[in-house]
Amino acid sequence: MTGSTIVLIDETEQHLHMVMRRRLINIIKNWAREYEGMSFVLTSHQVDSMRILAPKLEEKGLVKGGCLVKPKFRLPNE
């Protein structure tokens, strides 16, 4: 894998037990540290999984009631 790699994971942990979710999330965190510059895009309906991944995650950019609250970043040329 190179620094220009993007890894997309769509609800991979959906049917996993919480112990296995934590294990999977720790693997992803280790990859993120090991392969600097690599981008990970994860989707989940499991709030507890997101709290494990980013315990200090702010509400900006999160979805409330099916609507995007506020984007966390802007694309170039915006």
PDB file of N, CA and C in Angstrom:
ATOM      1  N   MET A   1       0.841  -1.176   0.000  1.00  0.00           N
ATOM      2  CA  MET A   1       0.000   0.000   0.000  1.00  0.00           C
ATOM      3  C   MET A   1       0.886   1.238   0.000  1.00  0.00           C
ATOM      4  N   THR A   2       0.407   2.262  -0.648  1.00  0.00           N
ATOM      5  CA  THR A   2       1.178   3.497  -0.735  1.00  0.00           C
ATOM      6  C   THR A   2       0.458   4.615   0.001  1.00  0.00           C
ATOM      7  N   GLY A   3       1.132   5.765   0.115  1.00  0.00           N
ATOM      8  CA  GLY A   3       0.540   6.917   0.772  1.00  0.00           C
ATOM      9  C   GLY A   3      -0.651   7.471   0.038  1.00  0.00           C
ATOM     10  N   SER A   4      -0.810   7.108  -1.227  1.00  0.00           N
ATOM     11  CA  SER A   4      -1.947   7.622  -1.990  1.00  0.00           C
ATOM     12  C   SER A   4      -3.119   6.639  -2.008  1.00  0.00           C
ATOM     13  N   THR A   5      -3.095   5.676  -1.107  1.00  0.00           N
ATOM     14  CA  THR A   5      -4.153   4.673  -1.035  1.00  0.00           C
ATOM     15  C   THR A   5      -5.322   5.179  -0.198  1.00  0.00           C
ATOM     16  N   ILE A   6      -6.533   4.909  -0.655  1.00  0.00           N
ATOM     17  CA  ILE A   6      -7.736   5.211   0.114  1.00  0.00           C
ATOM     18  C   ILE A   6      -8.422   3.882   0.417  1.00  0.00           C
ATOM     19  N   VAL A   7      -8.702   3.641   1.691  1.00  0.00           N
ATOM     20  CA  VAL A   7      -9.383   2.421   2.117  1.00  0.00           C
ATOM     21  C   VAL A   7     -10.806   2.796   2.513  1.00  0.00           C
ATOM     22  N   LEU A   8     -11.784   2.204   1.846  1.00  0.00           N
ATOM     23  CA  LEU A   8     -13.197   2.449   2.145  1.00  0.00           C
ATOM     24  C   LEU A   8     -13.769   1.224   2.837  1.00  0.00           C
ATOM     25  N   ILE A   9     -14.382   1.424   3.993  1.00  0.00           N
ATOM     26  CA  ILE A   9     -14.997   0.314   4.721  1.00  0.00           C
ATOM     27  C   ILE A   9     -16.422   0.729   5.062  1.00  0.00           C
ATOM     28  N   ASP A  10     -17.380   0.029   4.482  1.00  0.00           N
ATOM     29  CA  ASP A  10     -18.791   0.362   4.672  1.00  0.00           C
ATOM     30  C   ASP A  10     -19.425  -0.595   5.675  1.00  0.00           C
ATOM     31  N   GLU A  11     -19.647  -0.127   6.881  1.00  0.00           N
ATOM     32  CA  GLU A  11     -20.327  -0.880   7.934  1.00  0.00           C
ATOM     33  C   GLU A  11     -19.783  -2.296   8.120  1.00  0.00           C
ATOM     34  N   THR A  12     -18.478  -2.413   8.067  1.00  0.00           N
ATOM     35  CA  THR A  12     -17.851  -3.724   8.205  1.00  0.00           C
ATOM     36  C   THR A  12     -18.181  -4.375   9.539  1.00  0.00           C
ATOM     37  N   GLU A  13     -18.315  -3.572  10.573  1.00  0.00           N
ATOM     38  CA  GLU A  13     -18.524  -4.124  11.916  1.00  0.00           C
ATOM     39  C   GLU A  13     -19.983  -4.381  12.243  1.00  0.00           C
ATOM     40  N   GLN A  14     -20.880  -4.206  11.312  1.00  0.00           N
ATOM     41  CA  GLN A  14     -22.315  -4.249  11.573  1.00  0.00           C
ATOM     42  C   GLN A  14     -22.770  -5.501  12.330  1.00  0.00           C
ATOM     43  N   HIS A  15     -22.269  -6.660  11.978  1.00  0.00           N
ATOM     44  CA  HIS A  15     -22.737  -7.895  12.612  1.00  0.00           C
ATOM     45  C   HIS A  15     -21.702  -8.491  13.563  1.00  0.00           C
ATOM     46  N   LEU A  16     -20.754  -7.678  13.989  1.00  0.00           N
ATOM     47  CA  LEU A  16     -19.720  -8.166  14.894  1.00  0.00           C
ATOM     48  C   LEU A  16     -20.091  -7.893  16.350  1.00  0.00           C
ATOM     49  N   HIS A  17     -19.675  -8.795  17.217  1.00  0.00           N
ATOM     50  CA  HIS A  17     -19.800  -8.598  18.660  1.00  0.00           C
ATOM     51  C   HIS A  17     -18.909  -7.416  19.055  1.00  0.00           C
ATOM     52  N   MET A  18     -19.239  -6.720  20.129  1.00  0.00           N
ATOM     53  CA  MET A  18     -18.501  -5.529  20.547  1.00  0.00           C
ATOM     54  C   MET A  18     -17.012  -5.801  20.723  1.00  0.00           C
ATOM     55  N   VAL A  19     -16.648  -6.963  21.257  1.00  0.00           N
ATOM     56  CA  VAL A  19     -15.232  -7.308  21.436  1.00  0.00           C
ATOM     57  C   VAL A  19     -14.530  -7.353  20.082  1.00  0.00           C
ATOM     58  N   MET A  20     -15.174  -7.957  19.086  1.00  0.00           N
ATOM     59  CA  MET A  20     -14.581  -8.045  17.752  1.00  0.00           C
ATOM     60  C   MET A  20     -14.554  -6.674  17.074  1.00  0.00           C
ATOM     61  N   ARG A  21     -15.570  -5.834  17.338  1.00  0.00           N
ATOM     62  CA  ARG A  21     -15.568  -4.465  16.802  1.00  0.00           C
ATOM     63  C   ARG A  21     -14.356  -3.704  17.303  1.00  0.00           C
ATOM     64  N   ARG A  22     -14.101  -3.813  18.604  1.00  0.00           N
ATOM     65  CA  ARG A  22     -12.931  -3.124  19.176  1.00  0.00           C
ATOM     66  C   ARG A  22     -11.646  -3.626  18.541  1.00  0.00           C
ATOM     67  N   ARG A  23     -11.567  -4.930  18.338  1.00  0.00           N
ATOM     68  CA  ARG A  23     -10.369  -5.513  17.729  1.00  0.00           C
ATOM     69  C   ARG A  23     -10.176  -4.980  16.304  1.00  0.00           C
ATOM     70  N   LEU A  24     -11.263  -4.954  15.524  1.00  0.00           N
ATOM     71  CA  LEU A  24     -11.207  -4.437  14.156  1.00  0.00           C
ATOM     72  C   LEU A  24     -10.800  -2.963  14.144  1.00  0.00           C
ATOM     73  N   ILE A  25     -11.385  -2.179  15.023  1.00  0.00           N
ATOM     74  CA  ILE A  25     -11.068  -0.752  15.077  1.00  0.00           C
ATOM     75  C   ILE A  25      -9.609  -0.539  15.463  1.00  0.00           C
ATOM     76  N   ASN A  26      -9.095  -1.327  16.391  1.00  0.00           N
ATOM     77  CA  ASN A  26      -7.680  -1.216  16.761  1.00  0.00           C
ATOM     78  C   ASN A  26      -6.770  -1.577  15.595  1.00  0.00           C
ATOM     79  N   ILE A  27      -7.150  -2.561  14.800  1.00  0.00           N
ATOM     80  CA  ILE A  27      -6.372  -2.908  13.604  1.00  0.00           C
ATOM     81  C   ILE A  27      -6.343  -1.727  12.642  1.00  0.00           C
ATOM     82  N   ILE A  28      -7.494  -1.104  12.413  1.00  0.00           N
ATOM     83  CA  ILE A  28      -7.569   0.051  11.510  1.00  0.00           C
ATOM     84  C   ILE A  28      -6.719   1.202  12.046  1.00  0.00           C
ATOM     85  N   LYS A  29      -6.786   1.458  13.358  1.00  0.00           N
ATOM     86  CA  LYS A  29      -5.976   2.526  13.954  1.00  0.00           C
ATOM     87  C   LYS A  29      -4.486   2.239  13.776  1.00  0.00           C
ATOM     88  N   ASN A  30      -4.081   0.979  13.938  1.00  0.00           N
ATOM     89  CA  ASN A  30      -2.675   0.612  13.751  1.00  0.00           C
ATOM     90  C   ASN A  30      -2.242   0.819  12.306  1.00  0.00           C
ATOM     91  N   TRP A  31      -3.101   0.445  11.353  1.00  0.00           N
ATOM     92  CA  TRP A  31      -2.789   0.684   9.941  1.00  0.00           C
ATOM     93  C   TRP A  31      -2.613   2.175   9.684  1.00  0.00           C
ATOM     94  N   ALA A  32      -3.496   2.983  10.254  1.00  0.00           N
ATOM     95  CA  ALA A  32      -3.426   4.437  10.046  1.00  0.00           C
ATOM     96  C   ALA A  32      -2.106   4.995  10.563  1.00  0.00           C
ATOM     97  N   ARG A  33      -1.607   4.459  11.680  1.00  0.00           N
ATOM     98  CA  ARG A  33      -0.318   4.910  12.210  1.00  0.00           C
ATOM     99  C   ARG A  33       0.837   4.388  11.355  1.00  0.00           C
ATOM    100  N   GLU A  34       0.734   3.136  10.918  1.00  0.00           N
ATOM    101  CA  GLU A  34       1.814   2.491  10.166  1.00  0.00           C
ATOM    102  C   GLU A  34       1.982   3.076   8.767  1.00  0.00           C
ATOM    103  N   TYR A  35       0.881   3.370   8.099  1.00  0.00           N
ATOM    104  CA  TYR A  35       0.922   3.854   6.722  1.00  0.00           C
ATOM    105  C   TYR A  35       0.528   5.327   6.690  1.00  0.00           C
ATOM    106  N   GLU A  36       1.475   6.207   7.030  1.00  0.00           N
ATOM    107  CA  GLU A  36       1.200   7.646   7.046  1.00  0.00           C
ATOM    108  C   GLU A  36       0.758   8.121   5.671  1.00  0.00           C
ATOM    109  N   GLY A  37      -0.194   9.000   5.650  1.00  0.00           N
ATOM    110  CA  GLY A  37      -0.682   9.539   4.388  1.00  0.00           C
ATOM    111  C   GLY A  37      -1.795   8.718   3.768  1.00  0.00           C
ATOM    112  N   MET A  38      -2.014   7.512   4.278  1.00  0.00           N
ATOM    113  CA  MET A  38      -3.110   6.695   3.772  1.00  0.00           C
ATOM    114  C   MET A  38      -4.414   7.227   4.355  1.00  0.00           C
ATOM    115  N   SER A  39      -5.454   7.249   3.549  1.00  0.00           N
ATOM    116  CA  SER A  39      -6.755   7.754   4.001  1.00  0.00           C
ATOM    117  C   SER A  39      -7.715   6.597   4.233  1.00  0.00           C
ATOM    118  N   PHE A  40      -8.462   6.691   5.313  1.00  0.00           N
ATOM    119  CA  PHE A  40      -9.481   5.702   5.641  1.00  0.00           C
ATOM    120  C   PHE A  40     -10.828   6.395   5.680  1.00  0.00           C
ATOM    121  N   VAL A  41     -11.812   5.813   5.018  1.00  0.00           N
ATOM    122  CA  VAL A  41     -13.181   6.311   5.048  1.00  0.00           C
ATOM    123  C   VAL A  41     -14.036   5.185   5.611  1.00  0.00           C
ATOM    124  N   LEU A  42     -14.638   5.428   6.765  1.00  0.00           N
ATOM    125  CA  LEU A  42     -15.440   4.413   7.435  1.00  0.00           C
ATOM    126  C   LEU A  42     -16.869   4.907   7.582  1.00  0.00           C
ATOM    127  N   THR A  43     -17.820   4.005   7.420  1.00  0.00           N
ATOM    128  CA  THR A  43     -19.214   4.337   7.721  1.00  0.00           C
ATOM    129  C   THR A  43     -19.697   3.374   8.789  1.00  0.00           C
ATOM    130  N   SER A  44     -20.598   3.864   9.626  1.00  0.00           N
ATOM    131  CA  SER A  44     -21.113   3.022  10.693  1.00  0.00           C
ATOM    132  C   SER A  44     -22.388   3.619  11.252  1.00  0.00           C
ATOM    133  N   HIS A  45     -23.259   2.750  11.715  1.00  0.00           N
ATOM    134  CA  HIS A  45     -24.430   3.175  12.473  1.00  0.00           C
ATOM    135  C   HIS A  45     -24.190   2.913  13.954  1.00  0.00           C
ATOM    136  N   GLN A  46     -23.006   2.418  14.282  1.00  0.00           N
ATOM    137  CA  GLN A  46     -22.662   2.077  15.659  1.00  0.00           C
ATOM    138  C   GLN A  46     -21.932   3.247  16.310  1.00  0.00           C
ATOM    139  N   VAL A  47     -22.631   4.018  17.108  1.00  0.00           N
ATOM    140  CA  VAL A  47     -22.034   5.180  17.765  1.00  0.00           C
ATOM    141  C   VAL A  47     -20.881   4.756  18.661  1.00  0.00           C
ATOM    142  N   ASP A  48     -21.017   3.628  19.346  1.00  0.00           N
ATOM    143  CA  ASP A  48     -19.949   3.173  20.228  1.00  0.00           C
ATOM    144  C   ASP A  48     -18.669   2.871  19.455  1.00  0.00           C
ATOM    145  N   SER A  49     -18.787   2.394  18.228  1.00  0.00           N
ATOM    146  CA  SER A  49     -17.604   2.143  17.399  1.00  0.00           C
ATOM    147  C   SER A  49     -16.895   3.444  17.065  1.00  0.00           C
ATOM    148  N   MET A  50     -17.649   4.475  16.743  1.00  0.00           N
ATOM    149  CA  MET A  50     -17.050   5.771  16.422  1.00  0.00           C
ATOM    150  C   MET A  50     -16.393   6.388  17.654  1.00  0.00           C
ATOM    151  N   ARG A  51     -16.976   6.159  18.823  1.00  0.00           N
ATOM    152  CA  ARG A  51     -16.372   6.682  20.058  1.00  0.00           C
ATOM    153  C   ARG A  51     -15.048   5.981  20.361  1.00  0.00           C
ATOM    154  N   ILE A  52     -14.952   4.697  20.036  1.00  0.00           N
ATOM    155  CA  ILE A  52     -13.694   3.973  20.222  1.00  0.00           C
ATOM    156  C   ILE A  52     -12.654   4.508  19.247  1.00  0.00           C
ATOM    157  N   LEU A  53     -13.071   4.735  18.015  1.00  0.00           N
ATOM    158  CA  LEU A  53     -12.152   5.198  16.978  1.00  0.00           C
ATOM    159  C   LEU A  53     -11.692   6.626  17.236  1.00  0.00           C
ATOM    160  N   ALA A  54     -12.606   7.480  17.630  1.00  0.00           N
ATOM    161  CA  ALA A  54     -12.284   8.894  17.852  1.00  0.00           C
ATOM    162  C   ALA A  54     -13.015   9.369  19.109  1.00  0.00           C
ATOM    163  N   PRO A  55     -12.465   9.085  20.293  1.00  0.00           N
ATOM    164  CA  PRO A  55     -13.176   9.403  21.531  1.00  0.00           C
ATOM    165  C   PRO A  55     -13.437  10.890  21.744  1.00  0.00           C
ATOM    166  N   LYS A  56     -12.657  11.761  21.106  1.00  0.00           N
ATOM    167  CA  LYS A  56     -12.840  13.202  21.283  1.00  0.00           C
ATOM    168  C   LYS A  56     -13.518  13.837  20.075  1.00  0.00           C
ATOM    169  N   LEU A  57     -14.226  13.033  19.312  1.00  0.00           N
ATOM    170  CA  LEU A  57     -14.896  13.518  18.112  1.00  0.00           C
ATOM    171  C   LEU A  57     -15.932  14.572  18.463  1.00  0.00           C
ATOM    172  N   GLU A  58     -15.862  15.703  17.768  1.00  0.00           N
ATOM    173  CA  GLU A  58     -16.834  16.770  17.997  1.00  0.00           C
ATOM    174  C   GLU A  58     -18.083  16.507  17.179  1.00  0.00           C
ATOM    175  N   GLU A  59     -19.152  17.173  17.519  1.00  0.00           N
ATOM    176  CA  GLU A  59     -20.421  17.004  16.819  1.00  0.00           C
ATOM    177  C   GLU A  59     -20.409  17.626  15.428  1.00  0.00           C
ATOM    178  N   LYS A  60     -19.484  18.536  15.130  1.00  0.00           N
ATOM    179  CA  LYS A  60     -19.442  19.159  13.805  1.00  0.00           C
ATOM    180  C   LYS A  60     -19.278  18.086  12.741  1.00  0.00           C
ATOM    181  N   GLY A  61     -20.047  18.175  11.701  1.00  0.00           N
ATOM    182  CA  GLY A  61     -19.925  17.237  10.605  1.00  0.00           C
ATOM    183  C   GLY A  61     -20.643  15.920  10.832  1.00  0.00           C
ATOM    184  N   LEU A  62     -21.264  15.762  11.987  1.00  0.00           N
ATOM    185  CA  LEU A  62     -22.008  14.541  12.252  1.00  0.00           C
ATOM    186  C   LEU A  62     -23.449  14.716  11.821  1.00  0.00           C
ATOM    187  N   VAL A  63     -24.105  13.607  11.615  1.00  0.00           N
ATOM    188  CA  VAL A  63     -25.495  13.634  11.162  1.00  0.00           C
ATOM    189  C   VAL A  63     -26.425  13.519  12.365  1.00  0.00           C
ATOM    190  N   LYS A  64     -27.402  14.416  12.431  1.00  0.00           N
ATOM    191  CA  LYS A  64     -28.428  14.352  13.474  1.00  0.00           C
ATOM    192  C   LYS A  64     -29.773  14.257  12.790  1.00  0.00           C
ATOM    193  N   GLY A  65     -30.535  13.236  13.092  1.00  0.00           N
ATOM    194  CA  GLY A  65     -31.866  13.101  12.519  1.00  0.00           C
ATOM    195  C   GLY A  65     -31.865  12.976  11.011  1.00  0.00           C
ATOM    196  N   GLY A  66     -30.782  12.417  10.450  1.00  0.00           N
ATOM    197  CA  GLY A  66     -30.718  12.213   9.008  1.00  0.00           C
ATOM    198  C   GLY A  66     -30.228  13.408   8.218  1.00  0.00           C
ATOM    199  N   CYS A  67     -29.836  14.496   8.902  1.00  0.00           N
ATOM    200  CA  CYS A  67     -29.361  15.695   8.197  1.00  0.00           C
ATOM    201  C   CYS A  67     -27.948  16.024   8.647  1.00  0.00           C
ATOM    202  N   LEU A  68     -27.102  16.402   7.703  1.00  0.00           N
ATOM    203  CA  LEU A  68     -25.742  16.803   8.028  1.00  0.00           C
ATOM    204  C   LEU A  68     -25.786  18.104   8.811  1.00  0.00           C
ATOM    205  N   VAL A  69     -25.156  18.102   9.989  1.00  0.00           N
ATOM    206  CA  VAL A  69     -25.180  19.278  10.854  1.00  0.00           C
ATOM    207  C   VAL A  69     -24.316  20.383  10.268  1.00  0.00           C
ATOM    208  N   LYS A  70     -23.056  20.096  10.021  1.00  0.00           N
ATOM    209  CA  LYS A  70     -22.132  21.092   9.488  1.00  0.00           C
ATOM    210  C   LYS A  70     -20.904  20.353   8.966  1.00  0.00           C
ATOM    211  N   PRO A  71     -20.463  20.657   7.758  1.00  0.00           N
ATOM    212  CA  PRO A  71     -19.277  19.977   7.235  1.00  0.00           C
ATOM    213  C   PRO A  71     -18.056  20.295   8.093  1.00  0.00           C
ATOM    214  N   LYS A  72     -17.191  19.307   8.286  1.00  0.00           N
ATOM    215  CA  LYS A  72     -15.962  19.525   9.040  1.00  0.00           C
ATOM    216  C   LYS A  72     -14.898  20.197   8.194  1.00  0.00           C
ATOM    217  N   PHE A  73     -14.975  20.059   6.899  1.00  0.00           N
ATOM    218  CA  PHE A  73     -13.959  20.630   6.028  1.00  0.00           C
ATOM    219  C   PHE A  73     -14.594  21.048   4.724  1.00  0.00           C
ATOM    220  N   ARG A  74     -13.848  21.808   3.964  1.00  0.00           N
ATOM    221  CA  ARG A  74     -14.325  22.245   2.648  1.00  0.00           C
ATOM    222  C   ARG A  74     -13.416  21.669   1.569  1.00  0.00           C
ATOM    223  N   LEU A  75     -13.991  21.410   0.435  1.00  0.00           N
ATOM    224  CA  LEU A  75     -13.201  20.959  -0.702  1.00  0.00           C
ATOM    225  C   LEU A  75     -12.449  22.147  -1.282  1.00  0.00           C
ATOM    226  N   PRO A  76     -11.310  21.924  -1.940  1.00  0.00           N
ATOM    227  CA  PRO A  76     -10.608  23.030  -2.588  1.00  0.00           C
ATOM    228  C   PRO A  76     -11.544  23.745  -3.562  1.00  0.00           C
ATOM    229  N   ASN A  77     -11.350  25.009  -3.737  1.00  0.00           N
ATOM    230  CA  ASN A  77     -12.139  25.858  -4.644  1.00  0.00           C
ATOM    231  C   ASN A  77     -13.541  26.123  -4.131  1.00  0.00           C
ATOM    232  N   GLU A  78     -13.811  25.912  -2.853  1.00  0.00           N
ATOM    233  CA  GLU A  78     -15.134  26.229  -2.301  1.00  0.00           C
ATOM    234  C   GLU A  78     -15.067  27.537  -1.555  1.00  0.00           C
TER     235      GLU A  78
END
